[in-house]
Amino acid sequence: MYQPNGPGQLARRRDQLVDWTWQMVRDTVLDRLLSSPKVRKIRADIERQVKAGKLTPALAAQQILSATSE
């Protein structure tokens, strides 16, 4: 029998709430990174280097994150 408010649904709903919490954190962190003057200054150059194969995505990410901690 289908139970719309059964224990399985309640657990799933609670998991969704946690997932939504972390998604909001990710969105906020990304928004802050993208609006950072330091990141905006280096973003286009880093993206060009990645597209040209001169910089790996991992190193690009490291440079972006380092720019925000300087």
N, C-alpha and C. Protein backbone atom coordinates (compact mmCIF):
# COMPACT_ATOMS: atom_id res chain seq x y z
N MET A 1 0.83 -1.18 0.00
CA MET A 1 0.00 0.00 0.00
C MET A 1 0.88 1.25 0.00
N TYR A 2 0.53 2.21 -0.80
CA TYR A 2 1.27 3.47 -0.92
C TYR A 2 1.00 4.35 0.28
N GLN A 3 2.06 4.82 0.91
CA GLN A 3 1.94 5.73 2.04
C GLN A 3 2.66 7.04 1.69
N PRO A 4 1.91 8.08 1.36
CA PRO A 4 2.55 9.32 0.94
C PRO A 4 3.44 9.96 2.00
N ASN A 5 3.18 9.64 3.23
CA ASN A 5 4.00 10.20 4.31
C ASN A 5 4.68 9.10 5.10
N GLY A 6 4.99 8.00 4.43
CA GLY A 6 5.63 6.88 5.09
C GLY A 6 7.06 7.20 5.48
N PRO A 7 7.67 6.34 6.27
CA PRO A 7 9.03 6.58 6.76
C PRO A 7 10.06 6.70 5.63
N GLY A 8 9.86 5.97 4.55
CA GLY A 8 10.79 6.07 3.43
C GLY A 8 10.76 7.44 2.78
N GLN A 9 9.56 7.97 2.62
CA GLN A 9 9.42 9.30 2.03
C GLN A 9 9.96 10.37 2.95
N LEU A 10 9.76 10.20 4.23
CA LEU A 10 10.26 11.18 5.19
C LEU A 10 11.79 11.21 5.16
N ALA A 11 12.40 10.04 5.10
CA ALA A 11 13.86 9.98 5.03
C ALA A 11 14.36 10.61 3.74
N ARG A 12 13.68 10.34 2.64
CA ARG A 12 14.08 10.92 1.36
C ARG A 12 13.93 12.44 1.39
N ARG A 13 12.87 12.92 1.99
CA ARG A 13 12.64 14.36 2.10
C ARG A 13 13.74 15.01 2.93
N ARG A 14 14.13 14.37 3.99
CA ARG A 14 15.21 14.92 4.83
C ARG A 14 16.53 14.94 4.07
N ASP A 15 16.78 13.89 3.30
CA ASP A 15 17.99 13.87 2.46
C ASP A 15 17.96 15.00 1.44
N GLN A 16 16.78 15.25 0.86
CA GLN A 16 16.64 16.35 -0.10
C GLN A 16 16.95 17.69 0.56
N LEU A 17 16.50 17.87 1.78
CA LEU A 17 16.76 19.13 2.49
C LEU A 17 18.25 19.35 2.67
N VAL A 18 18.97 18.28 3.01
CA VAL A 18 20.42 18.38 3.16
C VAL A 18 21.06 18.68 1.80
N ASP A 19 20.62 17.99 0.75
CA ASP A 19 21.14 18.25 -0.60
C ASP A 19 20.91 19.69 -1.02
N TRP A 20 19.73 20.20 -0.76
CA TRP A 20 19.41 21.59 -1.12
C TRP A 20 20.28 22.57 -0.34
N THR A 21 20.54 22.25 0.92
CA THR A 21 21.42 23.10 1.73
C THR A 21 22.78 23.22 1.07
N TRP A 22 23.36 22.07 0.71
CA TRP A 22 24.70 22.09 0.10
C TRP A 22 24.69 22.72 -1.28
N GLN A 23 23.61 22.56 -2.01
CA GLN A 23 23.52 23.20 -3.33
C GLN A 23 23.50 24.72 -3.17
N MET A 24 22.81 25.21 -2.17
CA MET A 24 22.79 26.65 -1.92
C MET A 24 24.17 27.15 -1.51
N VAL A 25 24.89 26.36 -0.72
CA VAL A 25 26.26 26.73 -0.35
C VAL A 25 27.14 26.79 -1.59
N ARG A 26 27.06 25.75 -2.45
CA ARG A 26 27.86 25.74 -3.69
C ARG A 26 27.54 26.94 -4.56
N ASP A 27 26.26 27.23 -4.73
CA ASP A 27 25.85 28.37 -5.56
C ASP A 27 26.40 29.68 -5.01
N THR A 28 26.32 29.85 -3.70
CA THR A 28 26.80 31.08 -3.09
C THR A 28 28.31 31.22 -3.22
N VAL A 29 29.03 30.14 -2.97
CA VAL A 29 30.49 30.17 -3.09
C VAL A 29 30.89 30.49 -4.53
N LEU A 30 30.25 29.86 -5.50
CA LEU A 30 30.56 30.13 -6.90
C LEU A 30 30.23 31.57 -7.26
N ASP A 31 29.09 32.07 -6.82
CA ASP A 31 28.73 33.46 -7.08
C ASP A 31 29.77 34.42 -6.52
N ARG A 32 30.24 34.13 -5.31
CA ARG A 32 31.26 34.99 -4.70
C ARG A 32 32.58 34.92 -5.47
N LEU A 33 32.94 33.72 -5.90
CA LEU A 33 34.17 33.58 -6.70
C LEU A 33 34.06 34.38 -7.99
N LEU A 34 32.96 34.20 -8.69
CA LEU A 34 32.80 34.86 -9.99
C LEU A 34 32.69 36.37 -9.88
N SER A 35 32.26 36.87 -8.73
CA SER A 35 32.14 38.31 -8.57
C SER A 35 33.38 38.94 -7.94
N SER A 36 34.34 38.11 -7.56
CA SER A 36 35.58 38.62 -6.98
C SER A 36 36.37 39.40 -8.03
N PRO A 37 36.81 40.61 -7.71
CA PRO A 37 37.60 41.38 -8.67
C PRO A 37 38.87 40.65 -9.11
N LYS A 38 39.50 39.93 -8.19
CA LYS A 38 40.72 39.19 -8.54
C LYS A 38 40.42 38.08 -9.54
N VAL A 39 39.33 37.37 -9.33
CA VAL A 39 38.96 36.29 -10.25
C VAL A 39 38.52 36.87 -11.59
N ARG A 40 37.76 37.94 -11.57
CA ARG A 40 37.33 38.55 -12.83
C ARG A 40 38.52 39.01 -13.65
N LYS A 41 39.57 39.43 -12.98
CA LYS A 41 40.77 39.90 -13.67
C LYS A 41 41.50 38.77 -14.40
N ILE A 42 41.51 37.58 -13.82
CA ILE A 42 42.28 36.46 -14.40
C ILE A 42 41.42 35.46 -15.16
N ARG A 43 40.13 35.54 -15.04
CA ARG A 43 39.24 34.52 -15.59
C ARG A 43 39.41 34.29 -17.09
N ALA A 44 39.36 35.34 -17.88
CA ALA A 44 39.43 35.18 -19.34
C ALA A 44 40.76 34.55 -19.75
N ASP A 45 41.85 34.99 -19.13
CA ASP A 45 43.16 34.44 -19.48
C ASP A 45 43.26 32.97 -19.11
N ILE A 46 42.77 32.62 -17.95
CA ILE A 46 42.80 31.22 -17.52
C ILE A 46 41.95 30.36 -18.45
N GLU A 47 40.77 30.83 -18.80
CA GLU A 47 39.91 30.07 -19.71
C GLU A 47 40.59 29.88 -21.06
N ARG A 48 41.26 30.92 -21.56
CA ARG A 48 41.98 30.80 -22.84
C ARG A 48 43.08 29.75 -22.75
N GLN A 49 43.82 29.78 -21.65
CA GLN A 49 44.90 28.82 -21.48
C GLN A 49 44.39 27.38 -21.41
N VAL A 50 43.27 27.18 -20.73
CA VAL A 50 42.69 25.84 -20.65
C VAL A 50 42.25 25.38 -22.04
N LYS A 51 41.56 26.25 -22.78
CA LYS A 51 41.10 25.90 -24.13
C LYS A 51 42.26 25.61 -25.06
N ALA A 52 43.38 26.30 -24.86
CA ALA A 52 44.55 26.11 -25.72
C ALA A 52 45.39 24.92 -25.28
N GLY A 53 45.02 24.29 -24.18
CA GLY A 53 45.77 23.14 -23.70
C GLY A 53 47.05 23.52 -22.97
N LYS A 54 47.20 24.78 -22.62
CA LYS A 54 48.40 25.26 -21.93
C LYS A 54 48.28 25.14 -20.42
N LEU A 55 47.07 24.92 -19.95
CA LEU A 55 46.82 24.84 -18.52
C LEU A 55 45.78 23.75 -18.29
N THR A 56 46.06 22.86 -17.35
CA THR A 56 45.09 21.81 -17.05
C THR A 56 43.94 22.40 -16.22
N PRO A 57 42.78 21.77 -16.28
CA PRO A 57 41.67 22.24 -15.45
C PRO A 57 42.02 22.27 -13.96
N ALA A 58 42.79 21.29 -13.50
CA ALA A 58 43.16 21.24 -12.09
C ALA A 58 44.03 22.44 -11.71
N LEU A 59 45.00 22.76 -12.55
CA LEU A 59 45.85 23.92 -12.27
C LEU A 59 45.08 25.22 -12.40
N ALA A 60 44.16 25.27 -13.36
CA ALA A 60 43.33 26.46 -13.52
C ALA A 60 42.49 26.69 -12.26
N ALA A 61 41.89 25.63 -11.77
CA ALA A 61 41.09 25.75 -10.55
C ALA A 61 41.95 26.20 -9.38
N GLN A 62 43.15 25.65 -9.30
CA GLN A 62 44.06 26.04 -8.23
C GLN A 62 44.42 27.52 -8.31
N GLN A 63 44.66 28.02 -9.51
CA GLN A 63 44.98 29.44 -9.68
C GLN A 63 43.80 30.33 -9.29
N ILE A 64 42.61 29.91 -9.68
CA ILE A 64 41.42 30.69 -9.34
C ILE A 64 41.23 30.74 -7.83
N LEU A 65 41.35 29.60 -7.19
CA LEU A 65 41.17 29.55 -5.74
C LEU A 65 42.29 30.30 -5.02
N SER A 66 43.50 30.21 -5.54
CA SER A 66 44.62 30.94 -4.93
C SER A 66 44.41 32.45 -5.03
N ALA A 67 43.83 32.89 -6.13
CA ALA A 67 43.60 34.33 -6.31
C ALA A 67 42.68 34.89 -5.24
N THR A 68 41.77 34.08 -4.76
CA THR A 68 40.82 34.57 -3.77
C THR A 68 41.40 34.55 -2.36
N SER A 69 42.49 33.83 -2.17
CA SER A 69 43.06 33.75 -0.82
C SER A 69 44.26 34.68 -0.65
N GLU A 70 44.59 35.42 -1.69
CA GLU A 70 45.74 36.33 -1.60
C GLU A 70 45.36 37.60 -0.88
